[in-house]
Amino acid sequence: MIKKIKIGLIGFGKTGKAVANVILQNQEFSLEWVFRKSNLLEKRSVSEFLGIESDESGIIFSAHSISIGEILDEHPVAFIIDFRLLRASILMVRQLVTEMLKLFLQFHIIQKKNLIY
């Protein structure tokens, strides 16, 4: 079984809905959640709302009820696509953390080698 890449969306306007539609129909991705200002559609399934048959439902969360931090704690994702900005930005959370860990480990190994000599 292929491990799907988990994605979260911030914003659910025209572009957010179009992107959600594409993600839900792609076997390589899993739409975990949508975060929006409005409490309209809160706790509903994105796939159900869009009328798409999908194994991945994606849950709609509202800023009125939960913070983005709480969502990330409860439903971590590899990518966040944020439509609140003028230009959509993709935050590569997993890649960023991986690179930071690599740098930390490299630094730690270098420090140990320096202590040994």
C-alpha atoms as a PDB file:
ATOM      1  CA  MET A   1       0.000   0.000   0.000  1.00  0.00           C
ATOM      2  CA  ILE A   2       1.326   3.427  -0.969  1.00  0.00           C
ATOM      3  CA  LYS A   3       1.699   5.900   1.878  1.00  0.00           C
ATOM      4  CA  LYS A   4      -0.302   8.975   0.917  1.00  0.00           C
ATOM      5  CA  ILE A   5       0.986  12.504   1.411  1.00  0.00           C
ATOM      6  CA  LYS A   6      -1.230  14.272   3.949  1.00  0.00           C
ATOM      7  CA  ILE A   7      -2.369  17.773   3.028  1.00  0.00           C
ATOM      8  CA  GLY A   8      -4.275  20.517   4.845  1.00  0.00           C
ATOM      9  CA  LEU A   9      -5.949  23.512   3.198  1.00  0.00           C
ATOM     10  CA  ILE A  10      -6.434  26.945   4.701  1.00  0.00           C
ATOM     11  CA  GLY A  11      -9.261  28.688   2.892  1.00  0.00           C
ATOM     12  CA  PHE A  12     -12.220  27.200   1.064  1.00  0.00           C
ATOM     13  CA  GLY A  13     -13.243  29.726  -1.573  1.00  0.00           C
ATOM     14  CA  LYS A  14     -13.343  28.990  -5.301  1.00  0.00           C
ATOM     15  CA  THR A  15      -9.654  28.121  -5.539  1.00  0.00           C
ATOM     16  CA  GLY A  16      -9.643  26.121  -2.292  1.00  0.00           C
ATOM     17  CA  LYS A  17     -12.608  24.048  -3.470  1.00  0.00           C
ATOM     18  CA  ALA A  18     -10.972  23.414  -6.846  1.00  0.00           C
ATOM     19  CA  VAL A  19      -7.725  22.299  -5.204  1.00  0.00           C
ATOM     20  CA  ALA A  20      -9.610  20.124  -2.685  1.00  0.00           C
ATOM     21  CA  ASN A  21     -11.379  18.471  -5.617  1.00  0.00           C
ATOM     22  CA  VAL A  22      -8.060  17.633  -7.302  1.00  0.00           C
ATOM     23  CA  ILE A  23      -6.471  16.351  -4.059  1.00  0.00           C
ATOM     24  CA  LEU A  24      -9.437  14.119  -3.260  1.00  0.00           C
ATOM     25  CA  GLN A  25      -9.256  12.504  -6.692  1.00  0.00           C
ATOM     26  CA  ASN A  26      -5.493  11.871  -6.563  1.00  0.00           C
ATOM     27  CA  GLN A  27      -4.400   8.514  -5.134  1.00  0.00           C
ATOM     28  CA  GLU A  28      -1.064   9.907  -3.945  1.00  0.00           C
ATOM     29  CA  PHE A  29      -2.589  12.521  -1.623  1.00  0.00           C
ATOM     30  CA  SER A  30      -4.869  12.561   1.387  1.00  0.00           C
ATOM     31  CA  LEU A  31      -6.840  15.714   2.196  1.00  0.00           C
ATOM     32  CA  GLU A  32      -6.901  15.660   5.981  1.00  0.00           C
ATOM     33  CA  TRP A  33      -8.666  18.935   6.724  1.00  0.00           C
ATOM     34  CA  VAL A  34      -9.805  22.346   5.553  1.00  0.00           C
ATOM     35  CA  PHE A  35      -9.536  25.355   7.890  1.00  0.00           C
ATOM     36  CA  ARG A  36     -11.755  28.357   7.194  1.00  0.00           C
ATOM     37  CA  LYS A  37     -13.018  31.515   8.919  1.00  0.00           C
ATOM     38  CA  SER A  38     -16.711  30.740   8.614  1.00  0.00           C
ATOM     39  CA  ASN A  39     -18.428  28.138  10.753  1.00  0.00           C
ATOM     40  CA  LEU A  40     -20.595  27.235   7.758  1.00  0.00           C
ATOM     41  CA  LEU A  41     -20.051  23.550   6.878  1.00  0.00           C
ATOM     42  CA  GLU A  42     -18.040  22.975  10.069  1.00  0.00           C
ATOM     43  CA  LYS A  43     -17.376  19.283  10.833  1.00  0.00           C
ATOM     44  CA  ARG A  44     -18.695  18.277   7.402  1.00  0.00           C
ATOM     45  CA  SER A  45     -16.806  16.101   4.985  1.00  0.00           C
ATOM     46  CA  VAL A  46     -15.170  17.942   2.080  1.00  0.00           C
ATOM     47  CA  SER A  47     -15.731  15.022  -0.279  1.00  0.00           C
ATOM     48  CA  GLU A  48     -19.408  14.861   0.685  1.00  0.00           C
ATOM     49  CA  PHE A  49     -19.836  18.628   0.234  1.00  0.00           C
ATOM     50  CA  LEU A  50     -18.149  18.530  -3.190  1.00  0.00           C
ATOM     51  CA  GLY A  51     -20.064  15.398  -4.194  1.00  0.00           C
ATOM     52  CA  ILE A  52     -16.913  13.369  -4.803  1.00  0.00           C
ATOM     53  CA  GLU A  53     -16.580   9.682  -4.042  1.00  0.00           C
ATOM     54  CA  SER A  54     -13.286   9.366  -2.210  1.00  0.00           C
ATOM     55  CA  ASP A  55     -11.648   7.261   0.489  1.00  0.00           C
ATOM     56  CA  GLU A  56     -10.351  10.531   1.920  1.00  0.00           C
ATOM     57  CA  SER A  57     -13.100  12.697   3.335  1.00  0.00           C
ATOM     58  CA  GLY A  58     -11.261  15.746   4.686  1.00  0.00           C
ATOM     59  CA  ILE A  59     -12.967  17.476   7.604  1.00  0.00           C
ATOM     60  CA  ILE A  60     -13.910  21.166   7.567  1.00  0.00           C
ATOM     61  CA  PHE A  61     -12.833  23.133  10.658  1.00  0.00           C
ATOM     62  CA  SER A  62     -13.792  26.681  11.610  1.00  0.00           C
ATOM     63  CA  ALA A  63     -11.615  29.378  13.166  1.00  0.00           C
ATOM     64  CA  HIS A  64     -14.594  30.052  15.465  1.00  0.00           C
ATOM     65  CA  SER A  65     -14.138  26.687  17.183  1.00  0.00           C
ATOM     66  CA  ILE A  66     -10.495  25.645  16.906  1.00  0.00           C
ATOM     67  CA  SER A  67      -7.070  27.175  16.269  1.00  0.00           C
ATOM     68  CA  ILE A  68      -4.765  26.140  13.453  1.00  0.00           C
ATOM     69  CA  GLY A  69      -2.283  25.007  16.134  1.00  0.00           C
ATOM     70  CA  GLU A  70      -4.818  22.629  17.640  1.00  0.00           C
ATOM     71  CA  ILE A  71      -5.636  21.212  14.211  1.00  0.00           C
ATOM     72  CA  LEU A  72      -1.948  20.617  13.497  1.00  0.00           C
ATOM     73  CA  ASP A  73      -1.508  18.898  16.864  1.00  0.00           C
ATOM     74  CA  GLU A  74      -4.502  16.617  16.280  1.00  0.00           C
ATOM     75  CA  HIS A  75      -4.169  16.156  12.501  1.00  0.00           C
ATOM     76  CA  PRO A  76      -0.527  16.644  11.408  1.00  0.00           C
ATOM     77  CA  VAL A  77       0.130  17.020   7.690  1.00  0.00           C
ATOM     78  CA  ALA A  78       3.156  17.073   5.392  1.00  0.00           C
ATOM     79  CA  PHE A  79       1.938  20.121   3.432  1.00  0.00           C
ATOM     80  CA  ILE A  80      -0.308  23.081   4.088  1.00  0.00           C
ATOM     81  CA  ILE A  81      -1.713  25.014   1.163  1.00  0.00           C
ATOM     82  CA  ASP A  82      -2.730  28.448   2.386  1.00  0.00           C
ATOM     83  CA  PHE A  83      -5.183  30.472   0.285  1.00  0.00           C
ATOM     84  CA  ARG A  84      -5.431  33.369   2.756  1.00  0.00           C
ATOM     85  CA  LEU A  85      -2.454  35.083   1.188  1.00  0.00           C
ATOM     86  CA  LEU A  86      -2.484  37.071  -2.028  1.00  0.00           C
ATOM     87  CA  ARG A  87      -0.362  34.324  -3.493  1.00  0.00           C
ATOM     88  CA  ALA A  88      -0.981  30.759  -2.370  1.00  0.00           C
ATOM     89  CA  SER A  89       1.988  29.509  -0.395  1.00  0.00           C
ATOM     90  CA  ILE A  90       2.901  25.941   0.304  1.00  0.00           C
ATOM     91  CA  LEU A  91       4.559  25.245   3.608  1.00  0.00           C
ATOM     92  CA  MET A  92       6.622  22.095   3.424  1.00  0.00           C
ATOM     93  CA  VAL A  93       6.428  21.203   7.084  1.00  0.00           C
ATOM     94  CA  ARG A  94       7.916  17.722   6.885  1.00  0.00           C
ATOM     95  CA  GLN A  95      10.761  18.776   4.602  1.00  0.00           C
ATOM     96  CA  LEU A  96      11.613  21.738   6.821  1.00  0.00           C
ATOM     97  CA  VAL A  97      11.718  19.606   9.970  1.00  0.00           C
ATOM     98  CA  THR A  98      13.776  16.921   8.204  1.00  0.00           C
ATOM     99  CA  GLU A  99      16.324  19.502   7.021  1.00  0.00           C
ATOM    100  CA  MET A 100      16.528  21.022  10.496  1.00  0.00           C
ATOM    101  CA  LEU A 101      17.131  17.593  12.038  1.00  0.00           C
ATOM    102  CA  LYS A 102      19.852  16.826   9.483  1.00  0.00           C
ATOM    103  CA  LEU A 103      21.594  20.093  10.289  1.00  0.00           C
ATOM    104  CA  PHE A 104      21.300  19.453  14.016  1.00  0.00           C
ATOM    105  CA  LEU A 105      22.712  15.935  13.674  1.00  0.00           C
ATOM    106  CA  GLN A 106      25.565  17.124  11.460  1.00  0.00           C
ATOM    107  CA  PHE A 107      26.421  19.839  13.977  1.00  0.00           C
ATOM    108  CA  HIS A 108      26.199  17.354  16.846  1.00  0.00           C
ATOM    109  CA  ILE A 109      28.474  14.844  15.066  1.00  0.00           C
ATOM    110  CA  ILE A 110      31.010  17.579  14.259  1.00  0.00           C
ATOM    111  CA  GLN A 111      30.981  18.708  17.896  1.00  0.00           C
ATOM    112  CA  LYS A 112      31.549  15.124  19.106  1.00  0.00           C
ATOM    113  CA  LYS A 113      34.456  14.669  16.678  1.00  0.00           C
ATOM    114  CA  ASN A 114      36.022  17.904  17.924  1.00  0.00           C
ATOM    115  CA  LEU A 115      35.726  16.723  21.521  1.00  0.00           C
ATOM    116  CA  ILE A 116      37.373  13.379  20.702  1.00  0.00           C
ATOM    117  CA  TYR A 117      40.414  15.010  19.087  1.00  0.00           C
END
